[in-house]
Amino acid sequence: MVSHLDKGEAILETHLPLTRVAIGKVRDIYGMGADKLLIVTTDRLSAFDVVLPNPIPMKGKVLNQITVFWLNYFKDIIPQHLITTDVKAMGLPKEVTMNFNHELEGRSMLVKKAEPLAIECVVRGYITGSGWKDYLQTGTICGHKLPAGLKQCQKLPEPLFTPSTKAKSGHDINIDFGETVRTVGKEIAQQSKELSILLYKKGQEYAASKGIIIADTKFEFGICDGKLMLIDEILTPDSSRFWPADKYEVGHDQPSFDKQIVRNYLETLPWEKRPPGPELPAGIIAQTSGAYCDIYKRLTGKDIREQA
């Protein structure tokens, strides 16, 4: 993979002199002893389950700091894995803080290690994406029977908990609540459902006050010290569909923040949506970076570029 040094200020991959335990589509994860992890959010972007060769400047900082914003917002509802985002307080070796601060500042967090649940906790507040396709075919979404005559992107009567499996490659597979119980057990399944819907409702209520519709999202939970804990990214443009409320119209796809700009561009190419991904034009990269920065400013009232 190309080093971030070849791509200017954006970071495509980190190379810290620590034990890297996992590389996700966006995050590089390092071990920090027996009970902690260092998560670094890069500027990688994946579309159609393929990581593209071009990083998106500021994307990693936006995702990391939006997650930190929501963790603070939800801190009284559920235990969370965040220990600190202060690089100096992470207990890192001196050579790391001295030589790799540019890879850490604003885009990293030290967290408690948890055992992730084997499900993605998806909540849908509007009928769109794969949920819309399922509804057209069956009148249901993940076992939830819905009224006839709903329109694309219409708000649902109540948010639906529609979990999925975690696919090691390709798309996750939607499952019903019965399968969720069989996968994680009745108590954890019920807890996950109730917390996911509660967090979605509270997050959507806040976002609405900022002119944003959160159409759907996914949460990750893990088990730490025998308790359910909120982990991973939270209500970010990568884990959620964010729509501008002032442009919302029922009956068709909505304009959205985030990487939809990239998806729309890729749809114009003769690309079979398999690795390797195509190079992105500078204009598409700049537009996408701007969209991520815009959603951060709308949510928090702060300009992330002034913190860079």
C-alpha atoms as a PDB file:
ATOM      1  CA  MET A   1       0.000   0.000   0.000  1.00  0.00           C
ATOM      2  CA  VAL A   2       1.226   3.513  -0.796  1.00  0.00           C
ATOM      3  CA  SER A   3       2.663   5.450   2.132  1.00  0.00           C
ATOM      4  CA  HIS A   4       0.855   8.572   3.275  1.00  0.00           C
ATOM      5  CA  LEU A   5       4.066  10.485   2.510  1.00  0.00           C
ATOM      6  CA  ASP A   6       3.354  10.017  -1.190  1.00  0.00           C
ATOM      7  CA  LYS A   7      -0.078  11.588  -0.813  1.00  0.00           C
ATOM      8  CA  GLY A   8       0.709  14.861   0.921  1.00  0.00           C
ATOM      9  CA  GLU A   9      -0.917  15.590   4.262  1.00  0.00           C
ATOM     10  CA  ALA A  10      -3.535  12.841   4.031  1.00  0.00           C
ATOM     11  CA  ILE A  11      -2.717   9.522   5.709  1.00  0.00           C
ATOM     12  CA  LEU A  12      -3.421   6.333   3.825  1.00  0.00           C
ATOM     13  CA  GLU A  13      -1.709   3.966   6.257  1.00  0.00           C
ATOM     14  CA  THR A  14       0.132   4.321   9.546  1.00  0.00           C
ATOM     15  CA  HIS A  15       3.465   2.709  10.342  1.00  0.00           C
ATOM     16  CA  LEU A  16       3.949   3.186  14.054  1.00  0.00           C
ATOM     17  CA  PRO A  17       6.740   1.199  15.743  1.00  0.00           C
ATOM     18  CA  LEU A  18       4.132  -0.693  17.772  1.00  0.00           C
ATOM     19  CA  THR A  19       2.416  -4.072  17.387  1.00  0.00           C
ATOM     20  CA  ARG A  20      -0.338  -3.629  14.825  1.00  0.00           C
ATOM     21  CA  VAL A  21      -3.093  -6.122  15.580  1.00  0.00           C
ATOM     22  CA  ALA A  22      -5.594  -5.260  12.853  1.00  0.00           C
ATOM     23  CA  ILE A  23      -6.074  -3.214   9.693  1.00  0.00           C
ATOM     24  CA  GLY A  24      -9.651  -2.272   8.878  1.00  0.00           C
ATOM     25  CA  LYS A  25     -11.039  -0.496   5.867  1.00  0.00           C
ATOM     26  CA  VAL A  26     -10.344   2.811   7.611  1.00  0.00           C
ATOM     27  CA  ARG A  27      -8.702   2.124  10.983  1.00  0.00           C
ATOM     28  CA  ASP A  28      -5.284   0.820  11.984  1.00  0.00           C
ATOM     29  CA  ILE A  29      -5.332  -0.825  15.423  1.00  0.00           C
ATOM     30  CA  TYR A  30      -2.325  -1.343  17.668  1.00  0.00           C
ATOM     31  CA  GLY A  31      -1.978  -3.365  20.848  1.00  0.00           C
ATOM     32  CA  MET A  32      -1.227  -1.478  24.071  1.00  0.00           C
ATOM     33  CA  GLY A  33      -0.674  -4.189  26.649  1.00  0.00           C
ATOM     34  CA  ALA A  34      -3.218  -6.816  27.657  1.00  0.00           C
ATOM     35  CA  ASP A  35      -6.258  -4.586  28.113  1.00  0.00           C
ATOM     36  CA  LYS A  36      -5.918  -1.532  25.847  1.00  0.00           C
ATOM     37  CA  LEU A  37      -5.837  -0.684  22.140  1.00  0.00           C
ATOM     38  CA  LEU A  38      -4.668   2.326  20.158  1.00  0.00           C
ATOM     39  CA  ILE A  39      -7.059   3.087  17.285  1.00  0.00           C
ATOM     40  CA  VAL A  40      -5.838   5.397  14.528  1.00  0.00           C
ATOM     41  CA  THR A  41      -8.400   6.576  11.969  1.00  0.00           C
ATOM     42  CA  THR A  42      -6.745   7.020   8.583  1.00  0.00           C
ATOM     43  CA  ASP A  43      -7.988   8.917   5.538  1.00  0.00           C
ATOM     44  CA  ARG A  44      -8.709   5.718   3.620  1.00  0.00           C
ATOM     45  CA  LEU A  45     -12.041   5.505   1.864  1.00  0.00           C
ATOM     46  CA  SER A  46     -13.864   2.360   0.832  1.00  0.00           C
ATOM     47  CA  ALA A  47     -16.683   2.242  -1.691  1.00  0.00           C
ATOM     48  CA  PHE A  48     -18.597  -0.872  -2.726  1.00  0.00           C
ATOM     49  CA  ASP A  49     -16.416  -2.758  -0.190  1.00  0.00           C
ATOM     50  CA  VAL A  50     -13.184  -1.812  -1.982  1.00  0.00           C
ATOM     51  CA  VAL A  51     -10.552   0.428  -0.374  1.00  0.00           C
ATOM     52  CA  LEU A  52      -9.638   3.067  -2.939  1.00  0.00           C
ATOM     53  CA  PRO A  53      -6.028   4.113  -3.660  1.00  0.00           C
ATOM     54  CA  ASN A  54      -6.536   7.789  -2.825  1.00  0.00           C
ATOM     55  CA  PRO A  55      -6.916   9.065   0.738  1.00  0.00           C
ATOM     56  CA  ILE A  56      -9.421  11.842   1.488  1.00  0.00           C
ATOM     57  CA  PRO A  57      -7.741  14.669   3.424  1.00  0.00           C
ATOM     58  CA  MET A  58      -9.285  15.360   6.859  1.00  0.00           C
ATOM     59  CA  LYS A  59     -11.619  12.343   6.662  1.00  0.00           C
ATOM     60  CA  GLY A  60      -9.918  10.416   9.461  1.00  0.00           C
ATOM     61  CA  LYS A  61      -9.901  13.381  11.804  1.00  0.00           C
ATOM     62  CA  VAL A  62     -13.581  14.028  11.080  1.00  0.00           C
ATOM     63  CA  LEU A  63     -14.576  10.411  11.803  1.00  0.00           C
ATOM     64  CA  ASN A  64     -12.476  10.234  14.953  1.00  0.00           C
ATOM     65  CA  GLN A  65     -13.668  13.525  16.383  1.00  0.00           C
ATOM     66  CA  ILE A  66     -17.337  12.990  15.527  1.00  0.00           C
ATOM     67  CA  THR A  67     -17.096   9.683  17.392  1.00  0.00           C
ATOM     68  CA  VAL A  68     -15.522  11.443  20.380  1.00  0.00           C
ATOM     69  CA  PHE A  69     -18.308  14.053  20.246  1.00  0.00           C
ATOM     70  CA  TRP A  70     -21.018  11.370  20.426  1.00  0.00           C
ATOM     71  CA  LEU A  71     -19.192   9.352  23.098  1.00  0.00           C
ATOM     72  CA  ASN A  72     -19.265  12.440  25.283  1.00  0.00           C
ATOM     73  CA  TYR A  73     -22.916  13.073  24.382  1.00  0.00           C
ATOM     74  CA  PHE A  74     -23.912   9.527  25.361  1.00  0.00           C
ATOM     75  CA  LYS A  75     -21.580   9.100  28.348  1.00  0.00           C
ATOM     76  CA  ASP A  76     -24.420   8.866  30.898  1.00  0.00           C
ATOM     77  CA  ILE A  77     -26.326   6.203  28.936  1.00  0.00           C
ATOM     78  CA  ILE A  78     -23.855   3.365  28.458  1.00  0.00           C
ATOM     79  CA  PRO A  79     -20.253   2.490  29.378  1.00  0.00           C
ATOM     80  CA  GLN A  80     -17.830   3.272  26.560  1.00  0.00           C
ATOM     81  CA  HIS A  81     -14.356   2.161  25.596  1.00  0.00           C
ATOM     82  CA  LEU A  82     -12.660   5.569  25.300  1.00  0.00           C
ATOM     83  CA  ILE A  83      -9.818   6.224  27.752  1.00  0.00           C
ATOM     84  CA  THR A  84      -8.228   9.329  26.203  1.00  0.00           C
ATOM     85  CA  THR A  85      -7.597  11.197  22.952  1.00  0.00           C
ATOM     86  CA  ASP A  86      -4.671  13.117  24.452  1.00  0.00           C
ATOM     87  CA  VAL A  87      -1.618  11.670  22.727  1.00  0.00           C
ATOM     88  CA  LYS A  88       0.636  12.724  25.625  1.00  0.00           C
ATOM     89  CA  ALA A  89      -1.524  10.785  28.096  1.00  0.00           C
ATOM     90  CA  MET A  90      -1.605   7.515  26.134  1.00  0.00           C
ATOM     91  CA  GLY A  91       1.561   6.059  27.648  1.00  0.00           C
ATOM     92  CA  LEU A  92       3.232   5.728  24.257  1.00  0.00           C
ATOM     93  CA  PRO A  93       6.997   5.307  23.893  1.00  0.00           C
ATOM     94  CA  LYS A  94       8.817   8.629  23.526  1.00  0.00           C
ATOM     95  CA  GLU A  95       9.977   7.806  19.992  1.00  0.00           C
ATOM     96  CA  VAL A  96       6.334   7.395  18.927  1.00  0.00           C
ATOM     97  CA  THR A  97       5.129  10.713  20.337  1.00  0.00           C
ATOM     98  CA  MET A  98       8.173  12.531  18.979  1.00  0.00           C
ATOM     99  CA  ASN A  99       8.316  11.072  15.479  1.00  0.00           C
ATOM    100  CA  PHE A 100       4.724  10.066  14.686  1.00  0.00           C
ATOM    101  CA  ASN A 101       2.630  12.799  16.267  1.00  0.00           C
ATOM    102  CA  HIS A 102       1.358  13.793  12.785  1.00  0.00           C
ATOM    103  CA  GLU A 103      -0.190  10.320  12.469  1.00  0.00           C
ATOM    104  CA  LEU A 104      -1.839  10.511  15.895  1.00  0.00           C
ATOM    105  CA  GLU A 105      -2.955  14.051  16.696  1.00  0.00           C
ATOM    106  CA  GLY A 106      -6.698  14.468  16.228  1.00  0.00           C
ATOM    107  CA  ARG A 107      -7.202  11.023  14.700  1.00  0.00           C
ATOM    108  CA  SER A 108      -6.365   8.559  17.474  1.00  0.00           C
ATOM    109  CA  MET A 109      -7.869   7.238  20.679  1.00  0.00           C
ATOM    110  CA  LEU A 110      -6.684   4.938  23.444  1.00  0.00           C
ATOM    111  CA  VAL A 111      -9.485   2.534  24.357  1.00  0.00           C
ATOM    112  CA  LYS A 112     -10.297  -0.369  26.635  1.00  0.00           C
ATOM    113  CA  LYS A 113     -10.121  -3.722  24.897  1.00  0.00           C
ATOM    114  CA  ALA A 114     -13.505  -5.420  24.562  1.00  0.00           C
ATOM    115  CA  GLU A 115     -14.810  -8.586  22.899  1.00  0.00           C
ATOM    116  CA  PRO A 116     -16.934  -7.312  19.987  1.00  0.00           C
ATOM    117  CA  LEU A 117     -20.376  -8.811  19.490  1.00  0.00           C
ATOM    118  CA  ALA A 118     -20.752 -10.986  16.410  1.00  0.00           C
ATOM    119  CA  ILE A 119     -23.459  -8.683  15.026  1.00  0.00           C
ATOM    120  CA  GLU A 120     -23.776  -5.186  13.613  1.00  0.00           C
ATOM    121  CA  CYS A 121     -26.531  -3.291  15.446  1.00  0.00           C
ATOM    122  CA  VAL A 122     -28.329  -1.447  12.660  1.00  0.00           C
ATOM    123  CA  VAL A 123     -31.175   0.994  13.288  1.00  0.00           C
ATOM    124  CA  ARG A 124     -33.344   2.323  10.470  1.00  0.00           C
ATOM    125  CA  GLY A 125     -35.473   5.412  10.888  1.00  0.00           C
ATOM    126  CA  TYR A 126     -36.276   5.798   7.193  1.00  0.00           C
ATOM    127  CA  ILE A 127     -36.923   3.237   4.460  1.00  0.00           C
ATOM    128  CA  THR A 128     -33.927   3.367   2.144  1.00  0.00           C
ATOM    129  CA  GLY A 129     -30.991   1.306   0.876  1.00  0.00           C
ATOM    130  CA  SER A 130     -31.256  -2.471   1.264  1.00  0.00           C
ATOM    131  CA  GLY A 131     -34.300  -1.964   3.510  1.00  0.00           C
ATOM    132  CA  TRP A 132     -36.189  -0.346   0.631  1.00  0.00           C
ATOM    133  CA  LYS A 133     -35.242  -3.220  -1.692  1.00  0.00           C
ATOM    134  CA  ASP A 134     -36.422  -5.801   0.858  1.00  0.00           C
ATOM    135  CA  TYR A 135     -39.681  -3.936   1.398  1.00  0.00           C
ATOM    136  CA  LEU A 136     -40.420  -3.841  -2.325  1.00  0.00           C
ATOM    137  CA  GLN A 137     -39.909  -7.607  -2.576  1.00  0.00           C
ATOM    138  CA  THR A 138     -41.488  -8.816   0.668  1.00  0.00           C
ATOM    139  CA  GLY A 139     -43.237  -5.955   2.463  1.00  0.00           C
ATOM    140  CA  THR A 140     -40.872  -6.536   5.385  1.00  0.00           C
ATOM    141  CA  ILE A 141     -37.427  -5.513   6.613  1.00  0.00           C
ATOM    142  CA  CYS A 142     -35.498  -8.122   8.604  1.00  0.00           C
ATOM    143  CA  GLY A 143     -38.700  -9.765   9.773  1.00  0.00           C
ATOM    144  CA  HIS A 144     -40.521  -6.497  10.548  1.00  0.00           C
ATOM    145  CA  LYS A 145     -43.864  -6.377   8.727  1.00  0.00           C
ATOM    146  CA  LEU A 146     -44.503  -2.851   7.430  1.00  0.00           C
ATOM    147  CA  PRO A 147     -47.642  -1.070   6.213  1.00  0.00           C
ATOM    148  CA  ALA A 148     -48.385  -1.252   2.489  1.00  0.00           C
ATOM    149  CA  GLY A 149     -47.816   1.794   0.301  1.00  0.00           C
ATOM    150  CA  LEU A 150     -44.698   3.235   1.911  1.00  0.00           C
ATOM    151  CA  LYS A 151     -42.558   5.381  -0.395  1.00  0.00           C
ATOM    152  CA  GLN A 152     -38.814   5.401  -0.864  1.00  0.00           C
ATOM    153  CA  CYS A 153     -37.002   7.313   1.902  1.00  0.00           C
ATOM    154  CA  GLN A 154     -40.227   7.755   3.895  1.00  0.00           C
ATOM    155  CA  LYS A 155     -39.866   8.071   7.668  1.00  0.00           C
ATOM    156  CA  LEU A 156     -40.873   4.860   9.422  1.00  0.00           C
ATOM    157  CA  PRO A 157     -43.568   4.935  12.141  1.00  0.00           C
ATOM    158  CA  GLU A 158     -40.890   3.865  14.656  1.00  0.00           C
ATOM    159  CA  PRO A 159     -37.155   3.159  14.249  1.00  0.00           C
ATOM    160  CA  LEU A 160     -36.460  -0.499  13.467  1.00  0.00           C
ATOM    161  CA  PHE A 161     -33.663  -2.638  14.915  1.00  0.00           C
ATOM    162  CA  THR A 162     -32.391  -4.596  11.903  1.00  0.00           C
ATOM    163  CA  PRO A 163     -29.121  -6.307  12.856  1.00  0.00           C
ATOM    164  CA  SER A 164     -26.766  -8.029  10.479  1.00  0.00           C
ATOM    165  CA  THR A 165     -23.967 -10.539  10.545  1.00  0.00           C
ATOM    166  CA  LYS A 166     -20.371  -9.397  10.192  1.00  0.00           C
ATOM    167  CA  ALA A 167     -19.039 -10.609   6.867  1.00  0.00           C
ATOM    168  CA  LYS A 168     -15.270 -11.071   6.663  1.00  0.00           C
ATOM    169  CA  SER A 169     -15.528 -10.049   3.017  1.00  0.00           C
ATOM    170  CA  GLY A 170     -18.328  -8.609   0.916  1.00  0.00           C
ATOM    171  CA  HIS A 171     -21.599  -7.328   2.323  1.00  0.00           C
ATOM    172  CA  ASP A 172     -23.039  -8.040   5.772  1.00  0.00           C
ATOM    173  CA  ILE A 173     -26.209 -10.161   5.782  1.00  0.00           C
ATOM    174  CA  ASN A 174     -29.406  -8.884   7.399  1.00  0.00           C
ATOM    175  CA  ILE A 175     -30.868 -11.166  10.074  1.00  0.00           C
ATOM    176  CA  ASP A 176     -34.058 -11.133  12.134  1.00  0.00           C
ATOM    177  CA  PHE A 177     -34.222 -10.851  15.917  1.00  0.00           C
ATOM    178  CA  GLY A 178     -34.568 -14.610  16.363  1.00  0.00           C
ATOM    179  CA  GLU A 179     -31.246 -15.156  14.622  1.00  0.00           C
ATOM    180  CA  THR A 180     -29.746 -12.350  16.736  1.00  0.00           C
ATOM    181  CA  VAL A 181     -30.782 -14.196  19.904  1.00  0.00           C
ATOM    182  CA  ARG A 182     -29.233 -17.405  18.581  1.00  0.00           C
ATOM    183  CA  THR A 183     -26.011 -15.533  17.780  1.00  0.00           C
ATOM    184  CA  VAL A 184     -25.422 -13.501  20.969  1.00  0.00           C
ATOM    185  CA  GLY A 185     -27.963 -14.798  23.476  1.00  0.00           C
ATOM    186  CA  LYS A 186     -31.339 -13.442  24.575  1.00  0.00           C
ATOM    187  CA  GLU A 187     -30.145 -10.970  27.221  1.00  0.00           C
ATOM    188  CA  ILE A 188     -27.426  -9.366  25.085  1.00  0.00           C
ATOM    189  CA  ALA A 189     -29.731  -9.291  22.048  1.00  0.00           C
ATOM    190  CA  GLN A 190     -32.418  -7.439  23.999  1.00  0.00           C
ATOM    191  CA  GLN A 191     -29.925  -5.036  25.568  1.00  0.00           C
ATOM    192  CA  SER A 192     -28.371  -4.310  22.178  1.00  0.00           C
ATOM    193  CA  LYS A 193     -31.764  -3.661  20.635  1.00  0.00           C
ATOM    194  CA  GLU A 194     -32.944  -1.286  23.357  1.00  0.00           C
ATOM    195  CA  LEU A 195     -29.674   0.630  23.529  1.00  0.00           C
ATOM    196  CA  SER A 196     -29.340   0.918  19.745  1.00  0.00           C
ATOM    197  CA  ILE A 197     -32.809   2.403  19.377  1.00  0.00           C
ATOM    198  CA  LEU A 198     -32.294   4.733  22.354  1.00  0.00           C
ATOM    199  CA  LEU A 199     -28.958   6.010  21.019  1.00  0.00           C
ATOM    200  CA  TYR A 200     -30.384   6.447  17.526  1.00  0.00           C
ATOM    201  CA  LYS A 201     -33.384   8.423  18.783  1.00  0.00           C
ATOM    202  CA  LYS A 202     -31.258  10.713  20.960  1.00  0.00           C
ATOM    203  CA  GLY A 203     -28.686  11.185  18.196  1.00  0.00           C
ATOM    204  CA  GLN A 204     -31.343  11.878  15.576  1.00  0.00           C
ATOM    205  CA  GLU A 205     -33.061  14.382  17.875  1.00  0.00           C
ATOM    206  CA  TYR A 206     -29.797  16.295  18.280  1.00  0.00           C
ATOM    207  CA  ALA A 207     -28.917  16.087  14.582  1.00  0.00           C
ATOM    208  CA  ALA A 208     -32.371  17.372  13.618  1.00  0.00           C
ATOM    209  CA  SER A 209     -31.680  20.517  15.628  1.00  0.00           C
ATOM    210  CA  LYS A 210     -28.692  21.039  13.302  1.00  0.00           C
ATOM    211  CA  GLY A 211     -30.655  20.490  10.087  1.00  0.00           C
ATOM    212  CA  ILE A 212     -29.512  16.886   9.610  1.00  0.00           C
ATOM    213  CA  ILE A 213     -31.577  13.730   9.154  1.00  0.00           C
ATOM    214  CA  ILE A 214     -29.893  10.511  10.282  1.00  0.00           C
ATOM    215  CA  ALA A 215     -31.734   8.028   8.084  1.00  0.00           C
ATOM    216  CA  ASP A 216     -30.050   4.952   9.510  1.00  0.00           C
ATOM    217  CA  THR A 217     -26.913   3.945  11.333  1.00  0.00           C
ATOM    218  CA  LYS A 218     -25.035   1.027  12.834  1.00  0.00           C
ATOM    219  CA  PHE A 219     -23.572   0.664  16.306  1.00  0.00           C
ATOM    220  CA  GLU A 220     -20.908  -1.684  17.607  1.00  0.00           C
ATOM    221  CA  PHE A 221     -21.003  -3.120  21.104  1.00  0.00           C
ATOM    222  CA  GLY A 222     -18.488  -5.235  22.949  1.00  0.00           C
ATOM    223  CA  ILE A 223     -18.236  -7.068  26.241  1.00  0.00           C
ATOM    224  CA  CYS A 224     -15.735  -5.749  28.793  1.00  0.00           C
ATOM    225  CA  ASP A 225     -15.638  -6.932  32.416  1.00  0.00           C
ATOM    226  CA  GLY A 226     -18.913  -8.762  31.800  1.00  0.00           C
ATOM    227  CA  LYS A 227     -20.780  -5.628  30.713  1.00  0.00           C
ATOM    228  CA  LEU A 228     -22.013  -4.313  27.381  1.00  0.00           C
ATOM    229  CA  MET A 229     -19.905  -1.411  26.158  1.00  0.00           C
ATOM    230  CA  LEU A 230     -20.190   1.050  23.248  1.00  0.00           C
ATOM    231  CA  ILE A 231     -17.190   0.682  20.916  1.00  0.00           C
ATOM    232  CA  ASP A 232     -15.936   1.660  17.461  1.00  0.00           C
ATOM    233  CA  GLU A 233     -17.265   4.659  15.506  1.00  0.00           C
ATOM    234  CA  ILE A 234     -20.578   6.278  16.403  1.00  0.00           C
ATOM    235  CA  LEU A 235     -23.044   8.153  14.188  1.00  0.00           C
ATOM    236  CA  THR A 236     -20.386   9.136  11.652  1.00  0.00           C
ATOM    237  CA  PRO A 237     -20.867   9.719   7.912  1.00  0.00           C
ATOM    238  CA  ASP A 238     -19.207   6.326   7.324  1.00  0.00           C
ATOM    239  CA  SER A 239     -21.553   4.379   9.622  1.00  0.00           C
ATOM    240  CA  SER A 240     -24.743   6.337   8.916  1.00  0.00           C
ATOM    241  CA  ARG A 241     -26.779   7.964   6.179  1.00  0.00           C
ATOM    242  CA  PHE A 242     -26.828  11.719   6.793  1.00  0.00           C
ATOM    243  CA  TRP A 243     -29.275  13.771   4.738  1.00  0.00           C
ATOM    244  CA  PRO A 244     -29.665  17.575   4.674  1.00  0.00           C
ATOM    245  CA  ALA A 245     -33.121  18.215   6.137  1.00  0.00           C
ATOM    246  CA  ASP A 246     -33.775  21.232   3.927  1.00  0.00           C
ATOM    247  CA  LYS A 247     -33.512  19.075   0.777  1.00  0.00           C
ATOM    248  CA  TYR A 248     -35.479  16.079   2.018  1.00  0.00           C
ATOM    249  CA  GLU A 249     -38.281  14.840  -0.258  1.00  0.00           C
ATOM    250  CA  VAL A 250     -40.085  11.525  -0.006  1.00  0.00           C
ATOM    251  CA  GLY A 251     -40.156   9.277  -3.058  1.00  0.00           C
ATOM    252  CA  HIS A 252     -36.577   9.173  -4.314  1.00  0.00           C
ATOM    253  CA  ASP A 253     -32.941   8.900  -3.220  1.00  0.00           C
ATOM    254  CA  GLN A 254     -31.746  11.827  -1.126  1.00  0.00           C
ATOM    255  CA  PRO A 255     -28.667  13.995  -1.504  1.00  0.00           C
ATOM    256  CA  SER A 256     -26.271  13.108   1.288  1.00  0.00           C
ATOM    257  CA  PHE A 257     -23.106  14.161   3.006  1.00  0.00           C
ATOM    258  CA  ASP A 258     -20.002  11.972   2.993  1.00  0.00           C
ATOM    259  CA  LYS A 259     -18.735   9.608   0.300  1.00  0.00           C
ATOM    260  CA  GLN A 260     -21.840   9.566  -1.879  1.00  0.00           C
ATOM    261  CA  ILE A 261     -19.886  11.958  -4.111  1.00  0.00           C
ATOM    262  CA  VAL A 262     -17.347   9.184  -4.691  1.00  0.00           C
ATOM    263  CA  ARG A 263     -19.998   6.498  -5.221  1.00  0.00           C
ATOM    264  CA  ASN A 264     -21.746   8.643  -7.809  1.00  0.00           C
ATOM    265  CA  TYR A 265     -18.461   9.198  -9.657  1.00  0.00           C
ATOM    266  CA  LEU A 266     -17.559   5.498  -9.577  1.00  0.00           C
ATOM    267  CA  GLU A 267     -20.953   4.608 -11.055  1.00  0.00           C
ATOM    268  CA  THR A 268     -19.945   6.507 -14.217  1.00  0.00           C
ATOM    269  CA  LEU A 269     -16.863   4.303 -14.728  1.00  0.00           C
ATOM    270  CA  PRO A 270     -16.546   0.920 -16.476  1.00  0.00           C
ATOM    271  CA  TRP A 271     -15.332  -0.582 -13.184  1.00  0.00           C
ATOM    272  CA  GLU A 272     -16.590  -3.947 -11.964  1.00  0.00           C
ATOM    273  CA  LYS A 273     -16.437  -2.938  -8.271  1.00  0.00           C
ATOM    274  CA  ARG A 274     -13.609  -5.322  -7.494  1.00  0.00           C
ATOM    275  CA  PRO A 275     -10.064  -4.539  -6.337  1.00  0.00           C
ATOM    276  CA  PRO A 276      -8.078  -2.650  -7.322  1.00  0.00           C
ATOM    277  CA  GLY A 277     -10.163   0.490  -7.073  1.00  0.00           C
ATOM    278  CA  PRO A 278      -9.700   3.281  -9.621  1.00  0.00           C
ATOM    279  CA  GLU A 279      -7.776   6.479  -8.924  1.00  0.00           C
ATOM    280  CA  LEU A 280      -9.975   9.429  -8.007  1.00  0.00           C
ATOM    281  CA  PRO A 281      -9.682  12.830  -9.722  1.00  0.00           C
ATOM    282  CA  ALA A 282      -8.443  15.729  -7.591  1.00  0.00           C
ATOM    283  CA  GLY A 283     -11.824  17.463  -7.868  1.00  0.00           C
ATOM    284  CA  ILE A 284     -13.720  14.468  -6.469  1.00  0.00           C
ATOM    285  CA  ILE A 285     -11.222  14.144  -3.616  1.00  0.00           C
ATOM    286  CA  ALA A 286     -11.581  17.839  -2.738  1.00  0.00           C
ATOM    287  CA  GLN A 287     -15.400  17.700  -2.893  1.00  0.00           C
ATOM    288  CA  THR A 288     -15.511  14.636  -0.663  1.00  0.00           C
ATOM    289  CA  SER A 289     -13.112  16.129   1.877  1.00  0.00           C
ATOM    290  CA  GLY A 290     -15.274  19.238   1.962  1.00  0.00           C
ATOM    291  CA  ALA A 291     -18.420  17.167   2.588  1.00  0.00           C
ATOM    292  CA  TYR A 292     -16.855  15.436   5.606  1.00  0.00           C
ATOM    293  CA  CYS A 293     -15.649  18.752   7.021  1.00  0.00           C
ATOM    294  CA  ASP A 294     -19.105  20.249   6.467  1.00  0.00           C
ATOM    295  CA  ILE A 295     -20.915  17.548   8.443  1.00  0.00           C
ATOM    296  CA  TYR A 296     -18.471  17.978  11.327  1.00  0.00           C
ATOM    297  CA  LYS A 297     -19.098  21.724  11.428  1.00  0.00           C
ATOM    298  CA  ARG A 298     -22.862  21.246  11.248  1.00  0.00           C
ATOM    299  CA  LEU A 299     -22.839  18.789  14.143  1.00  0.00           C
ATOM    300  CA  THR A 300     -20.340  20.487  16.437  1.00  0.00           C
ATOM    301  CA  GLY A 301     -20.300  24.131  15.369  1.00  0.00           C
ATOM    302  CA  LYS A 302     -16.510  23.935  14.968  1.00  0.00           C
ATOM    303  CA  ASP A 303     -14.326  24.060  11.843  1.00  0.00           C
ATOM    304  CA  ILE A 304     -12.041  21.029  11.882  1.00  0.00           C
ATOM    305  CA  ARG A 305      -9.708  22.646   9.366  1.00  0.00           C
ATOM    306  CA  GLU A 306      -8.861  25.305  11.931  1.00  0.00           C
ATOM    307  CA  GLN A 307      -7.729  22.516  14.277  1.00  0.00           C
ATOM    308  CA  ALA A 308      -5.484  20.879  11.677  1.00  0.00           C
END
